[in-house]
PDB file of N, CA and C in Angstrom:
ATOM      1  N   MET A   1     115.739  97.509 150.939  1.00  0.00           N
ATOM      2  CA  MET A   1     115.240  96.516 149.997  1.00  0.00           C
ATOM      3  C   MET A   1     115.764  96.797 148.589  1.00  0.00           C
ATOM      4  N   MET A   2     115.757  98.059 148.161  1.00  0.00           N
ATOM      5  CA  MET A   2     116.235  98.397 146.822  1.00  0.00           C
ATOM      6  C   MET A   2     117.718  98.078 146.677  1.00  0.00           C
ATOM      7  N   ASN A   3     118.513  98.259 147.767  1.00  0.00           N
ATOM      8  CA  ASN A   3     119.934  97.925 147.680  1.00  0.00           C
ATOM      9  C   ASN A   3     120.125  96.444 147.412  1.00  0.00           C
ATOM     10  N   GLN A   4     119.340  95.592 148.071  1.00  0.00           N
ATOM     11  CA  GLN A   4     119.412  94.153 147.821  1.00  0.00           C
ATOM     12  C   GLN A   4     119.022  93.859 146.382  1.00  0.00           C
ATOM     13  N   LEU A   5     118.034  94.544 145.895  1.00  0.00           N
ATOM     14  CA  LEU A   5     117.569  94.365 144.529  1.00  0.00           C
ATOM     15  C   LEU A   5     118.682  94.689 143.542  1.00  0.00           C
ATOM     16  N   PHE A   6     119.349  95.810 143.723  1.00  0.00           N
ATOM     17  CA  PHE A   6     120.411  96.196 142.806  1.00  0.00           C
ATOM     18  C   PHE A   6     121.625  95.264 142.930  1.00  0.00           C
ATOM     19  N   LYS A   7     121.888  94.722 144.129  1.00  0.00           N
ATOM     20  CA  LYS A   7     122.958  93.736 144.267  1.00  0.00           C
ATOM     21  C   LYS A   7     122.629  92.482 143.477  1.00  0.00           C
ATOM     22  N   MET A   8     121.369  92.051 143.522  1.00  0.00           N
ATOM     23  CA  MET A   8     120.938  90.883 142.764  1.00  0.00           C
ATOM     24  C   MET A   8     121.119  91.136 141.270  1.00  0.00           C
ATOM     25  N   ILE A   9     120.781  92.315 140.825  1.00  0.00           N
ATOM     26  CA  ILE A   9     120.915  92.671 139.411  1.00  0.00           C
ATOM     27  C   ILE A   9     122.383  92.663 139.017  1.00  0.00           C
ATOM     28  N   GLU A  10     123.240  93.263 139.831  1.00  0.00           N
ATOM     29  CA  GLU A  10     124.666  93.316 139.528  1.00  0.00           C
ATOM     30  C   GLU A  10     125.260  91.914 139.450  1.00  0.00           C
ATOM     31  N   HIS A  11     124.803  91.029 140.323  1.00  0.00           N
ATOM     32  CA  HIS A  11     125.313  89.656 140.353  1.00  0.00           C
ATOM     33  C   HIS A  11     124.991  88.904 139.062  1.00  0.00           C
ATOM     34  N   ASN A  12     123.873  89.207 138.439  1.00  0.00           N
ATOM     35  CA  ASN A  12     123.413  88.514 137.239  1.00  0.00           C
ATOM     36  C   ASN A  12     123.618  89.363 135.992  1.00  0.00           C
ATOM     37  N   LYS A  13     124.774  89.965 135.833  1.00  0.00           N
ATOM     38  CA  LYS A  13     125.012  90.914 134.754  1.00  0.00           C
ATOM     39  C   LYS A  13     125.087  90.287 133.373  1.00  0.00           C
ATOM     40  N   THR A  14     125.226  88.988 133.244  1.00  0.00           N
ATOM     41  CA  THR A  14     125.392  88.382 131.925  1.00  0.00           C
ATOM     42  C   THR A  14     124.206  88.729 131.026  1.00  0.00           C
ATOM     43  N   THR A  15     123.686  87.818 130.301  1.00  0.00           N
ATOM     44  CA  THR A  15     122.568  88.141 129.408  1.00  0.00           C
ATOM     45  C   THR A  15     121.228  87.794 130.037  1.00  0.00           C
ATOM     46  N   THR A  16     121.074  88.139 131.267  1.00  0.00           N
ATOM     47  CA  THR A  16     119.807  87.930 131.958  1.00  0.00           C
ATOM     48  C   THR A  16     118.782  88.935 131.464  1.00  0.00           C
ATOM     49  N   TRP A  17     117.593  88.477 131.226  1.00  0.00           N
ATOM     50  CA  TRP A  17     116.487  89.363 130.856  1.00  0.00           C
ATOM     51  C   TRP A  17     115.685  89.685 132.097  1.00  0.00           C
ATOM     52  N   TRP A  18     115.237  90.929 132.180  1.00  0.00           N
ATOM     53  CA  TRP A  18     114.473  91.420 133.320  1.00  0.00           C
ATOM     54  C   TRP A  18     113.138  91.967 132.840  1.00  0.00           C
ATOM     55  N   VAL A  19     112.100  91.673 133.593  1.00  0.00           N
ATOM     56  CA  VAL A  19     110.777  92.268 133.403  1.00  0.00           C
ATOM     57  C   VAL A  19     110.625  93.257 134.553  1.00  0.00           C
ATOM     58  N   TYR A  20     110.221  94.479 134.246  1.00  0.00           N
ATOM     59  CA  TYR A  20     110.173  95.493 135.292  1.00  0.00           C
ATOM     60  C   TYR A  20     108.905  96.329 135.207  1.00  0.00           C
ATOM     61  N   LEU A  21     108.572  96.924 136.335  1.00  0.00           N
ATOM     62  CA  LEU A  21     107.522  97.937 136.414  1.00  0.00           C
ATOM     63  C   LEU A  21     108.158  99.208 136.945  1.00  0.00           C
ATOM     64  N   LEU A  22     107.865 100.306 136.295  1.00  0.00           N
ATOM     65  CA  LEU A  22     108.314 101.608 136.758  1.00  0.00           C
ATOM     66  C   LEU A  22     107.136 102.377 137.335  1.00  0.00           C
ATOM     67  N   ARG A  23     107.384 103.088 138.406  1.00  0.00           N
ATOM     68  CA  ARG A  23     106.383 103.999 138.982  1.00  0.00           C
ATOM     69  C   ARG A  23     106.647 105.366 138.365  1.00  0.00           C
ATOM     70  N   CYS A  24     105.661 105.887 137.677  1.00  0.00           N
ATOM     71  CA  CYS A  24     105.780 107.198 137.040  1.00  0.00           C
ATOM     72  C   CYS A  24     105.347 108.303 137.995  1.00  0.00           C
ATOM     73  N   SER A  25     105.659 109.533 137.635  1.00  0.00           N
ATOM     74  CA  SER A  25     105.350 110.671 138.504  1.00  0.00           C
ATOM     75  C   SER A  25     103.859 110.863 138.728  1.00  0.00           C
ATOM     76  N   ASP A  26     103.023 110.366 137.817  1.00  0.00           N
ATOM     77  CA  ASP A  26     101.573 110.463 138.001  1.00  0.00           C
ATOM     78  C   ASP A  26     101.001 109.237 138.714  1.00  0.00           C
ATOM     79  N   ASN A  27     101.879 108.411 139.285  1.00  0.00           N
ATOM     80  CA  ASN A  27     101.533 107.207 140.037  1.00  0.00           C
ATOM     81  C   ASN A  27     101.101 106.040 139.146  1.00  0.00           C
ATOM     82  N   SER A  28     101.210 106.182 137.843  1.00  0.00           N
ATOM     83  CA  SER A  28     100.903 105.060 136.961  1.00  0.00           C
ATOM     84  C   SER A  28     102.083 104.101 136.947  1.00  0.00           C
ATOM     85  N   LEU A  29     101.850 102.912 136.407  1.00  0.00           N
ATOM     86  CA  LEU A  29     102.895 101.896 136.311  1.00  0.00           C
ATOM     87  C   LEU A  29     103.140 101.568 134.852  1.00  0.00           C
ATOM     88  N   TYR A  30     104.408 101.446 134.502  1.00  0.00           N
ATOM     89  CA  TYR A  30     104.816 101.134 133.133  1.00  0.00           C
ATOM     90  C   TYR A  30     105.608  99.836 133.159  1.00  0.00           C
ATOM     91  N   ALA A  31     105.262  98.882 132.290  1.00  0.00           N
ATOM     92  CA  ALA A  31     105.959  97.594 132.216  1.00  0.00           C
ATOM     93  C   ALA A  31     106.914  97.578 131.038  1.00  0.00           C
ATOM     94  N   GLY A  32     108.052  96.914 131.228  1.00  0.00           N
ATOM     95  CA  GLY A  32     109.019  96.778 130.151  1.00  0.00           C
ATOM     96  C   GLY A  32     109.947  95.603 130.384  1.00  0.00           C
ATOM     97  N   VAL A  33     110.812  95.338 129.409  1.00  0.00           N
ATOM     98  CA  VAL A  33     111.837  94.297 129.517  1.00  0.00           C
ATOM     99  C   VAL A  33     113.179  94.887 129.106  1.00  0.00           C
ATOM    100  N   THR A  34     114.252  94.338 129.660  1.00  0.00           N
ATOM    101  CA  THR A  34     115.592  94.807 129.341  1.00  0.00           C
ATOM    102  C   THR A  34     116.626  93.793 129.808  1.00  0.00           C
ATOM    103  N   THR A  35     117.844  93.951 129.328  1.00  0.00           N
ATOM    104  CA  THR A  35     118.971  93.185 129.854  1.00  0.00           C
ATOM    105  C   THR A  35     119.837  94.040 130.774  1.00  0.00           C
ATOM    106  N   ASP A  36     119.590  95.344 130.794  1.00  0.00           N
ATOM    107  CA  ASP A  36     120.375  96.269 131.620  1.00  0.00           C
ATOM    108  C   ASP A  36     119.426  97.282 132.266  1.00  0.00           C
ATOM    109  N   ILE A  37     118.990  96.972 133.459  1.00  0.00           N
ATOM    110  CA  ILE A  37     117.966  97.785 134.118  1.00  0.00           C
ATOM    111  C   ILE A  37     118.475  99.180 134.463  1.00  0.00           C
ATOM    112  N   HIS A  38     119.745  99.314 134.856  1.00  0.00           N
ATOM    113  CA  HIS A  38     120.277 100.640 135.193  1.00  0.00           C
ATOM    114  C   HIS A  38     120.251 101.556 133.967  1.00  0.00           C
ATOM    115  N   ARG A  39     120.728 101.040 132.840  1.00  0.00           N
ATOM    116  CA  ARG A  39     120.723 101.821 131.599  1.00  0.00           C
ATOM    117  C   ARG A  39     119.303 102.188 131.208  1.00  0.00           C
ATOM    118  N   ARG A  40     118.392 101.224 131.322  1.00  0.00           N
ATOM    119  CA  ARG A  40     117.021 101.454 130.867  1.00  0.00           C
ATOM    120  C   ARG A  40     116.308 102.505 131.712  1.00  0.00           C
ATOM    121  N   ILE A  41     116.495 102.465 133.012  1.00  0.00           N
ATOM    122  CA  ILE A  41     115.877 103.481 133.872  1.00  0.00           C
ATOM    123  C   ILE A  41     116.440 104.858 133.538  1.00  0.00           C
ATOM    124  N   ASP A  42     117.748 104.918 133.306  1.00  0.00           N
ATOM    125  CA  ASP A  42     118.372 106.180 132.908  1.00  0.00           C
ATOM    126  C   ASP A  42     117.768 106.682 131.595  1.00  0.00           C
ATOM    127  N   GLU A  43     117.561 105.785 130.639  1.00  0.00           N
ATOM    128  CA  GLU A  43     116.952 106.179 129.370  1.00  0.00           C
ATOM    129  C   GLU A  43     115.532 106.692 129.572  1.00  0.00           C
ATOM    130  N   HIS A  44     114.770 106.012 130.410  1.00  0.00           N
ATOM    131  CA  HIS A  44     113.397 106.459 130.676  1.00  0.00           C
ATOM    132  C   HIS A  44     113.379 107.849 131.308  1.00  0.00           C
ATOM    133  N   ASN A  45     114.368 108.142 132.138  1.00  0.00           N
ATOM    134  CA  ASN A  45     114.391 109.422 132.849  1.00  0.00           C
ATOM    135  C   ASN A  45     115.104 110.549 132.111  1.00  0.00           C
ATOM    136  N   ASN A  46     116.060 110.222 131.241  1.00  0.00           N
ATOM    137  CA  ASN A  46     116.949 111.266 130.752  1.00  0.00           C
ATOM    138  C   ASN A  46     117.163 111.344 129.251  1.00  0.00           C
ATOM    139  N   SER A  47     116.530 110.504 128.470  1.00  0.00           N
ATOM    140  CA  SER A  47     116.826 110.558 127.041  1.00  0.00           C
ATOM    141  C   SER A  47     115.586 110.302 126.188  1.00  0.00           C
ATOM    142  N   LYS A  48     115.763 110.490 124.909  1.00  0.00           N
ATOM    143  CA  LYS A  48     114.686 110.205 123.965  1.00  0.00           C
ATOM    144  C   LYS A  48     114.520 108.710 123.739  1.00  0.00           C
ATOM    145  N   LEU A  49     115.425 107.909 124.268  1.00  0.00           N
ATOM    146  CA  LEU A  49     115.330 106.456 124.127  1.00  0.00           C
ATOM    147  C   LEU A  49     114.304 105.850 125.077  1.00  0.00           C
ATOM    148  N   GLY A  50     113.879 106.629 126.084  1.00  0.00           N
ATOM    149  CA  GLY A  50     112.825 106.163 126.976  1.00  0.00           C
ATOM    150  C   GLY A  50     111.510 106.098 126.220  1.00  0.00           C
ATOM    151  N   ALA A  51     110.607 105.273 126.714  1.00  0.00           N
ATOM    152  CA  ALA A  51     109.306 105.131 126.068  1.00  0.00           C
ATOM    153  C   ALA A  51     108.555 106.460 126.055  1.00  0.00           C
ATOM    154  N   LYS A  52     107.784 106.673 125.018  1.00  0.00           N
ATOM    155  CA  LYS A  52     106.995 107.894 124.896  1.00  0.00           C
ATOM    156  C   LYS A  52     106.107 108.075 126.137  1.00  0.00           C
ATOM    157  N   TYR A  53     105.559 106.965 126.631  1.00  0.00           N
ATOM    158  CA  TYR A  53     104.693 107.013 127.812  1.00  0.00           C
ATOM    159  C   TYR A  53     105.440 107.587 129.014  1.00  0.00           C
ATOM    160  N   THR A  54     106.652 107.106 129.252  1.00  0.00           N
ATOM    161  CA  THR A  54     107.381 107.567 130.439  1.00  0.00           C
ATOM    162  C   THR A  54     107.998 108.947 130.252  1.00  0.00           C
ATOM    163  N   ARG A  55     108.309 109.325 129.019  1.00  0.00           N
ATOM    164  CA  ARG A  55     108.879 110.664 128.793  1.00  0.00           C
ATOM    165  C   ARG A  55     107.921 111.753 129.255  1.00  0.00           C
ATOM    166  N   ALA A  56     106.639 111.489 129.174  1.00  0.00           N
ATOM    167  CA  ALA A  56     105.633 112.475 129.592  1.00  0.00           C
ATOM    168  C   ALA A  56     105.325 112.386 131.083  1.00  0.00           C
ATOM    169  N   ARG A  57     105.937 111.417 131.777  1.00  0.00           N
ATOM    170  CA  ARG A  57     105.595 111.171 133.183  1.00  0.00           C
ATOM    171  C   ARG A  57     106.850 111.035 134.052  1.00  0.00           C
ATOM    172  N   ARG A  58     107.875 111.780 133.715  1.00  0.00           N
ATOM    173  CA  ARG A  58     109.125 111.729 134.470  1.00  0.00           C
ATOM    174  C   ARG A  58     109.014 112.483 135.772  1.00  0.00           C
ATOM    175  N   PRO A  59     109.778 112.135 136.776  1.00  0.00           N
ATOM    176  CA  PRO A  59     110.726 111.034 136.820  1.00  0.00           C
ATOM    177  C   PRO A  59     110.028 109.702 137.092  1.00  0.00           C
ATOM    178  N   VAL A  60     110.716 108.633 136.731  1.00  0.00           N
ATOM    179  CA  VAL A  60     110.219 107.283 136.999  1.00  0.00           C
ATOM    180  C   VAL A  60     111.185 106.598 137.952  1.00  0.00           C
ATOM    181  N   SER A  61     110.676 105.617 138.683  1.00  0.00           N
ATOM    182  CA  SER A  61     111.530 104.843 139.586  1.00  0.00           C
ATOM    183  C   SER A  61     111.138 103.378 139.498  1.00  0.00           C
ATOM    184  N   LEU A  62     112.066 102.520 139.812  1.00  0.00           N
ATOM    185  CA  LEU A  62     111.823 101.087 139.750  1.00  0.00           C
ATOM    186  C   LEU A  62     110.877 100.675 140.867  1.00  0.00           C
ATOM    187  N   ALA A  63     109.792  99.982 140.499  1.00  0.00           N
ATOM    188  CA  ALA A  63     108.809  99.542 141.477  1.00  0.00           C
ATOM    189  C   ALA A  63     108.800  98.022 141.629  1.00  0.00           C
ATOM    190  N   TYR A  64     109.218  97.306 140.581  1.00  0.00           N
ATOM    191  CA  TYR A  64     109.154  95.843 140.593  1.00  0.00           C
ATOM    192  C   TYR A  64     110.098  95.322 139.525  1.00  0.00           C
ATOM    193  N   ILE A  65     110.723  94.197 139.806  1.00  0.00           N
ATOM    194  CA  ILE A  65     111.578  93.554 138.808  1.00  0.00           C
ATOM    195  C   ILE A  65     111.572  92.052 139.045  1.00  0.00           C
ATOM    196  N   GLU A  66     111.611  91.305 137.958  1.00  0.00           N
ATOM    197  CA  GLU A  66     111.762  89.859 138.064  1.00  0.00           C
ATOM    198  C   GLU A  66     112.627  89.373 136.910  1.00  0.00           C
ATOM    199  N   GLU A  67     113.312  88.284 137.154  1.00  0.00           N
ATOM    200  CA  GLU A  67     114.226  87.708 136.185  1.00  0.00           C
ATOM    201  C   GLU A  67     113.477  86.765 135.245  1.00  0.00           C
ATOM    202  N   ALA A  68     113.922  86.713 134.003  1.00  0.00           N
ATOM    203  CA  ALA A  68     113.375  85.777 133.017  1.00  0.00           C
ATOM    204  C   ALA A  68     114.535  85.046 132.361  1.00  0.00           C
ATOM    205  N   ASP A  69     114.298  83.818 131.949  1.00  0.00           N
ATOM    206  CA  ASP A  69     115.365  82.996 131.378  1.00  0.00           C
ATOM    207  C   ASP A  69     115.810  83.449 129.991  1.00  0.00           C
ATOM    208  N   ASN A  70     114.895  84.061 129.237  1.00  0.00           N
ATOM    209  CA  ASN A  70     115.253  84.507 127.887  1.00  0.00           C
ATOM    210  C   ASN A  70     114.302  85.620 127.458  1.00  0.00           C
ATOM    211  N   LYS A  71     114.575  86.207 126.303  1.00  0.00           N
ATOM    212  CA  LYS A  71     113.784  87.340 125.838  1.00  0.00           C
ATOM    213  C   LYS A  71     112.327  86.950 125.594  1.00  0.00           C
ATOM    214  N   SER A  72     112.124  85.788 125.026  1.00  0.00           N
ATOM    215  CA  SER A  72     110.758  85.348 124.732  1.00  0.00           C
ATOM    216  C   SER A  72     109.913  85.251 126.002  1.00  0.00           C
ATOM    217  N   LEU A  73     110.462  84.628 127.033  1.00  0.00           N
ATOM    218  CA  LEU A  73     109.726  84.497 128.292  1.00  0.00           C
ATOM    219  C   LEU A  73     109.520  85.855 128.957  1.00  0.00           C
ATOM    220  N   ALA A  74     110.526  86.721 128.842  1.00  0.00           N
ATOM    221  CA  ALA A  74     110.402  88.067 129.411  1.00  0.00           C
ATOM    222  C   ALA A  74     109.266  88.829 128.737  1.00  0.00           C
ATOM    223  N   CYS A  75     109.205  88.750 127.420  1.00  0.00           N
ATOM    224  CA  CYS A  75     108.154  89.467 126.681  1.00  0.00           C
ATOM    225  C   CYS A  75     106.770  88.906 126.979  1.00  0.00           C
ATOM    226  N   LYS A  76     106.677  87.600 127.130  1.00  0.00           N
ATOM    227  CA  LYS A  76     105.388  86.985 127.466  1.00  0.00           C
ATOM    228  C   LYS A  76     104.929  87.422 128.850  1.00  0.00           C
ATOM    229  N   ARG A  77     105.871  87.463 129.806  1.00  0.00           N
ATOM    230  CA  ARG A  77     105.524  87.886 131.163  1.00  0.00           C
ATOM    231  C   ARG A  77     105.141  89.368 131.183  1.00  0.00           C
ATOM    232  N   GLU A  78     105.888  90.187 130.434  1.00  0.00           N
ATOM    233  CA  GLU A  78     105.558  91.608 130.344  1.00  0.00           C
ATOM    234  C   GLU A  78     104.143  91.790 129.802  1.00  0.00           C
ATOM    235  N   TYR A  79     103.792  91.034 128.784  1.00  0.00           N
ATOM    236  CA  TYR A  79     102.460  91.117 128.192  1.00  0.00           C
ATOM    237  C   TYR A  79     101.390  90.805 129.243  1.00  0.00           C
ATOM    238  N   LYS A  80     101.626  89.758 130.029  1.00  0.00           N
ATOM    239  CA  LYS A  80     100.655  89.389 131.074  1.00  0.00           C
ATOM    240  C   LYS A  80     100.530  90.484 132.124  1.00  0.00           C
ATOM    241  N   ILE A  81     101.676  91.012 132.550  1.00  0.00           N
ATOM    242  CA  ILE A  81     101.650  92.079 133.564  1.00  0.00           C
ATOM    243  C   ILE A  81     100.978  93.321 133.007  1.00  0.00           C
ATOM    244  N   ARG A  82     101.308  93.676 131.787  1.00  0.00           N
ATOM    245  CA  ARG A  82     100.763  94.877 131.162  1.00  0.00           C
ATOM    246  C   ARG A  82      99.238  94.830 131.099  1.00  0.00           C
ATOM    247  N   HIS A  83      98.681  93.646 130.944  1.00  0.00           N
ATOM    248  CA  HIS A  83      97.231  93.512 130.808  1.00  0.00           C
ATOM    249  C   HIS A  83      96.510  93.243 132.130  1.00  0.00           C
ATOM    250  N   LEU A  84      97.248  93.275 133.240  1.00  0.00           N
ATOM    251  CA  LEU A  84      96.608  93.180 134.545  1.00  0.00           C
ATOM    252  C   LEU A  84      95.888  94.490 134.864  1.00  0.00           C
ATOM    253  N   ALA A  85      94.857  94.400 135.648  1.00  0.00           N
ATOM    254  CA  ALA A  85      94.191  95.603 136.153  1.00  0.00           C
ATOM    255  C   ALA A  85      95.163  96.340 137.076  1.00  0.00           C
ATOM    256  N   LYS A  86      95.002  97.644 137.199  1.00  0.00           N
ATOM    257  CA  LYS A  86      95.891  98.465 138.029  1.00  0.00           C
ATOM    258  C   LYS A  86      95.954  97.931 139.459  1.00  0.00           C
ATOM    259  N   VAL A  87      94.833  97.479 139.985  1.00  0.00           N
ATOM    260  CA  VAL A  87      94.799  96.945 141.350  1.00  0.00           C
ATOM    261  C   VAL A  87      95.719  95.734 141.469  1.00  0.00           C
ATOM    262  N   LYS A  88      95.719  94.876 140.476  1.00  0.00           N
ATOM    263  CA  LYS A  88      96.568  93.676 140.512  1.00  0.00           C
ATOM    264  C   LYS A  88      98.040  94.041 140.330  1.00  0.00           C
ATOM    265  N   LYS A  89      98.324  95.045 139.514  1.00  0.00           N
ATOM    266  CA  LYS A  89      99.707  95.500 139.382  1.00  0.00           C
ATOM    267  C   LYS A  89     100.191  96.074 140.715  1.00  0.00           C
ATOM    268  N   GLU A  90      99.350  96.851 141.375  1.00  0.00           N
ATOM    269  CA  GLU A  90      99.710  97.426 142.666  1.00  0.00           C
ATOM    270  C   GLU A  90      99.939  96.332 143.705  1.00  0.00           C
ATOM    271  N   LEU A  91      99.148  95.273 143.649  1.00  0.00           N
ATOM    272  CA  LEU A  91      99.323  94.148 144.559  1.00  0.00           C
ATOM    273  C   LEU A  91     100.663  93.463 144.293  1.00  0.00           C
ATOM    274  N   LEU A  92     101.005  93.294 143.031  1.00  0.00           N
ATOM    275  CA  LEU A  92     102.284  92.709 142.649  1.00  0.00           C
ATOM    276  C   LEU A  92     103.434  93.540 143.225  1.00  0.00           C
ATOM    277  N   VAL A  93     103.350  94.846 143.063  1.00  0.00           N
ATOM    278  CA  VAL A  93     104.390  95.748 143.571  1.00  0.00           C
ATOM    279  C   VAL A  93     104.454  95.693 145.105  1.00  0.00           C
ATOM    280  N   SER A  94     103.310  95.751 145.755  1.00  0.00           N
ATOM    281  CA  SER A  94     103.308  95.783 147.221  1.00  0.00           C
ATOM    282  C   SER A  94     103.806  94.469 147.816  1.00  0.00           C
ATOM    283  N   ASN A  95     103.520  93.355 147.168  1.00  0.00           N
ATOM    284  CA  ASN A  95     104.006  92.068 147.654  1.00  0.00           C
ATOM    285  C   ASN A  95     105.506  91.916 147.424  1.00  0.00           C
ATOM    286  N   TYR A  96     106.014  92.622 146.447  1.00  0.00           N
ATOM    287  CA  TYR A  96     107.413  92.532 146.096  1.00  0.00           C
ATOM    288  C   TYR A  96     108.292  93.335 147.048  1.00  0.00           C
ATOM    289  N   LEU A  97     107.862  94.550 147.344  1.00  0.00           N
ATOM    290  CA  LEU A  97     108.657  95.431 148.218  1.00  0.00           C
ATOM    291  C   LEU A  97     108.297  95.129 149.623  1.00  0.00           C
TER     292      LEU A  97
END
């Protein structure tokens, strides 16, 4: 399933915005937006450019991703996901994979 996911991402390399959830080492979920998911996951795992939240919970892995038409819509969707209860985020992830 993840291979299909990464093929979809590679196919849409232009300026597509992505909303994503990362699974952290403590089993928490972190929401974010990006135009380059591979770079962003690498930053979360290996550099100071990763979010402070994920730097303390490495390693992280991609748990969910969805495409957005533009940055504004991506940020709005991220906000909605971020404010979901953990149970609903887990349901989103489980329905996705």
